[in-house]
Amino acid sequence: GISMKETLDKCKKILGGETIIASTRREPLSSGTVSRYFMRARKASGLSFEGDPPTFHELRSLSARLYEKQISDKFAQHLLVHN
């Protein structure tokens, strides 16, 4: 079988960059586009929230802090593509 790493490497090679998610023009997605599609997916999930639902950036920030605490700052920064 094919490993996850091989799959991700193949996606990066096809897209010609470090990301595996890109626009149809093979350019990185803007933060606004990512947020907009996240909001659509969140609404489509049918989940309900008290107060304001979490944004993509709030969840991204939370996951970074958790990875920082559980693994390392370097690992979290790498995931956030802050080299």
C-alpha atoms as a PDB file:
ATOM      1  CA  GLY A   1       0.000   0.000   0.000  1.00  0.00           C
ATOM      2  CA  ILE A   2       0.878   3.644  -0.114  1.00  0.00           C
ATOM      3  CA  SER A   3       1.745   5.518   3.070  1.00  0.00           C
ATOM      4  CA  MET A   4       0.285   8.852   4.170  1.00  0.00           C
ATOM      5  CA  LYS A   5       3.706  10.477   3.737  1.00  0.00           C
ATOM      6  CA  GLU A   6       3.932   9.219   0.146  1.00  0.00           C
ATOM      7  CA  THR A   7       0.443  10.551  -0.558  1.00  0.00           C
ATOM      8  CA  LEU A   8       1.228  13.979   0.921  1.00  0.00           C
ATOM      9  CA  ASP A   9       4.562  14.161  -0.904  1.00  0.00           C
ATOM     10  CA  LYS A  10       2.804  13.354  -4.178  1.00  0.00           C
ATOM     11  CA  CYS A  11       0.209  16.097  -3.558  1.00  0.00           C
ATOM     12  CA  LYS A  12       2.952  18.629  -2.807  1.00  0.00           C
ATOM     13  CA  LYS A  13       4.812  17.648  -5.977  1.00  0.00           C
ATOM     14  CA  ILE A  14       1.690  17.988  -8.124  1.00  0.00           C
ATOM     15  CA  LEU A  15       0.861  21.382  -6.603  1.00  0.00           C
ATOM     16  CA  GLY A  16       4.476  22.523  -6.722  1.00  0.00           C
ATOM     17  CA  GLY A  17       4.684  23.759  -3.143  1.00  0.00           C
ATOM     18  CA  GLU A  18       4.619  22.966   0.535  1.00  0.00           C
ATOM     19  CA  THR A  19       0.835  22.915   0.892  1.00  0.00           C
ATOM     20  CA  ILE A  20      -1.553  20.127  -0.050  1.00  0.00           C
ATOM     21  CA  ILE A  21      -4.593  22.368  -0.363  1.00  0.00           C
ATOM     22  CA  ALA A  22      -4.594  24.934  -3.147  1.00  0.00           C
ATOM     23  CA  SER A  23      -6.926  26.856  -5.397  1.00  0.00           C
ATOM     24  CA  THR A  24      -7.852  25.638  -8.855  1.00  0.00           C
ATOM     25  CA  ARG A  25      -5.074  27.952 -10.082  1.00  0.00           C
ATOM     26  CA  ARG A  26      -2.627  25.950  -7.901  1.00  0.00           C
ATOM     27  CA  GLU A  27      -2.067  28.931  -5.628  1.00  0.00           C
ATOM     28  CA  PRO A  28      -2.279  28.867  -1.830  1.00  0.00           C
ATOM     29  CA  LEU A  29      -5.766  29.615  -0.525  1.00  0.00           C
ATOM     30  CA  SER A  30      -6.313  32.990   1.108  1.00  0.00           C
ATOM     31  CA  SER A  31      -7.225  33.046   4.791  1.00  0.00           C
ATOM     32  CA  GLY A  32     -10.621  34.487   3.840  1.00  0.00           C
ATOM     33  CA  THR A  33     -11.336  31.570   1.510  1.00  0.00           C
ATOM     34  CA  VAL A  34     -10.344  29.017   4.154  1.00  0.00           C
ATOM     35  CA  SER A  35     -12.513  30.772   6.761  1.00  0.00           C
ATOM     36  CA  ARG A  36     -15.491  30.966   4.398  1.00  0.00           C
ATOM     37  CA  TYR A  37     -15.365  27.248   3.518  1.00  0.00           C
ATOM     38  CA  PHE A  38     -14.828  26.332   7.175  1.00  0.00           C
ATOM     39  CA  MET A  39     -17.961  28.314   8.091  1.00  0.00           C
ATOM     40  CA  ARG A  40     -19.947  26.523   5.378  1.00  0.00           C
ATOM     41  CA  ALA A  41     -18.734  23.114   6.570  1.00  0.00           C
ATOM     42  CA  ARG A  42     -19.493  24.011  10.192  1.00  0.00           C
ATOM     43  CA  LYS A  43     -23.050  25.031   9.265  1.00  0.00           C
ATOM     44  CA  ALA A  44     -23.524  21.890   7.135  1.00  0.00           C
ATOM     45  CA  SER A  45     -22.440  19.718  10.088  1.00  0.00           C
ATOM     46  CA  GLY A  46     -25.677  20.498  11.897  1.00  0.00           C
ATOM     47  CA  LEU A  47     -23.819  21.064  15.180  1.00  0.00           C
ATOM     48  CA  SER A  48     -25.209  23.744  17.455  1.00  0.00           C
ATOM     49  CA  PHE A  49     -23.237  26.073  19.686  1.00  0.00           C
ATOM     50  CA  GLU A  50     -24.108  28.271  22.626  1.00  0.00           C
ATOM     51  CA  GLY A  51     -23.146  31.816  21.731  1.00  0.00           C
ATOM     52  CA  ASP A  52     -20.908  32.399  18.742  1.00  0.00           C
ATOM     53  CA  PRO A  53     -19.572  29.257  17.035  1.00  0.00           C
ATOM     54  CA  PRO A  54     -15.774  28.889  16.871  1.00  0.00           C
ATOM     55  CA  THR A  55     -13.994  30.294  13.847  1.00  0.00           C
ATOM     56  CA  PHE A  56     -11.346  28.461  11.852  1.00  0.00           C
ATOM     57  CA  HIS A  57      -8.674  30.724  13.315  1.00  0.00           C
ATOM     58  CA  GLU A  58      -9.837  30.108  16.899  1.00  0.00           C
ATOM     59  CA  LEU A  59      -9.622  26.331  16.403  1.00  0.00           C
ATOM     60  CA  ARG A  60      -6.248  26.679  14.660  1.00  0.00           C
ATOM     61  CA  SER A  61      -4.939  28.739  17.570  1.00  0.00           C
ATOM     62  CA  LEU A  62      -6.265  26.262  20.139  1.00  0.00           C
ATOM     63  CA  SER A  63      -4.718  23.298  18.338  1.00  0.00           C
ATOM     64  CA  ALA A  64      -1.372  25.118  18.130  1.00  0.00           C
ATOM     65  CA  ARG A  65      -1.395  25.808  21.880  1.00  0.00           C
ATOM     66  CA  LEU A  66      -2.279  22.175  22.643  1.00  0.00           C
ATOM     67  CA  TYR A  67       0.489  20.838  20.370  1.00  0.00           C
ATOM     68  CA  GLU A  68       2.905  23.350  21.897  1.00  0.00           C
ATOM     69  CA  LYS A  69       2.058  22.094  25.380  1.00  0.00           C
ATOM     70  CA  GLN A  70       1.957  18.371  24.553  1.00  0.00           C
ATOM     71  CA  ILE A  71       4.777  18.069  22.003  1.00  0.00           C
ATOM     72  CA  SER A  72       6.869  21.197  21.431  1.00  0.00           C
ATOM     73  CA  ASP A  73       6.797  24.788  20.267  1.00  0.00           C
ATOM     74  CA  LYS A  74       8.844  23.829  17.202  1.00  0.00           C
ATOM     75  CA  PHE A  75       6.308  21.153  16.220  1.00  0.00           C
ATOM     76  CA  ALA A  76       3.376  23.559  16.615  1.00  0.00           C
ATOM     77  CA  GLN A  77       5.122  26.272  14.601  1.00  0.00           C
ATOM     78  CA  HIS A  78       5.925  23.780  11.831  1.00  0.00           C
ATOM     79  CA  LEU A  79       2.247  22.812  11.597  1.00  0.00           C
ATOM     80  CA  LEU A  80       1.320  26.481  11.382  1.00  0.00           C
ATOM     81  CA  VAL A  81       3.992  26.947   8.692  1.00  0.00           C
ATOM     82  CA  HIS A  82       5.809  29.506  10.834  1.00  0.00           C
ATOM     83  CA  ASN A  83       9.385  28.407  10.205  1.00  0.00           C
END
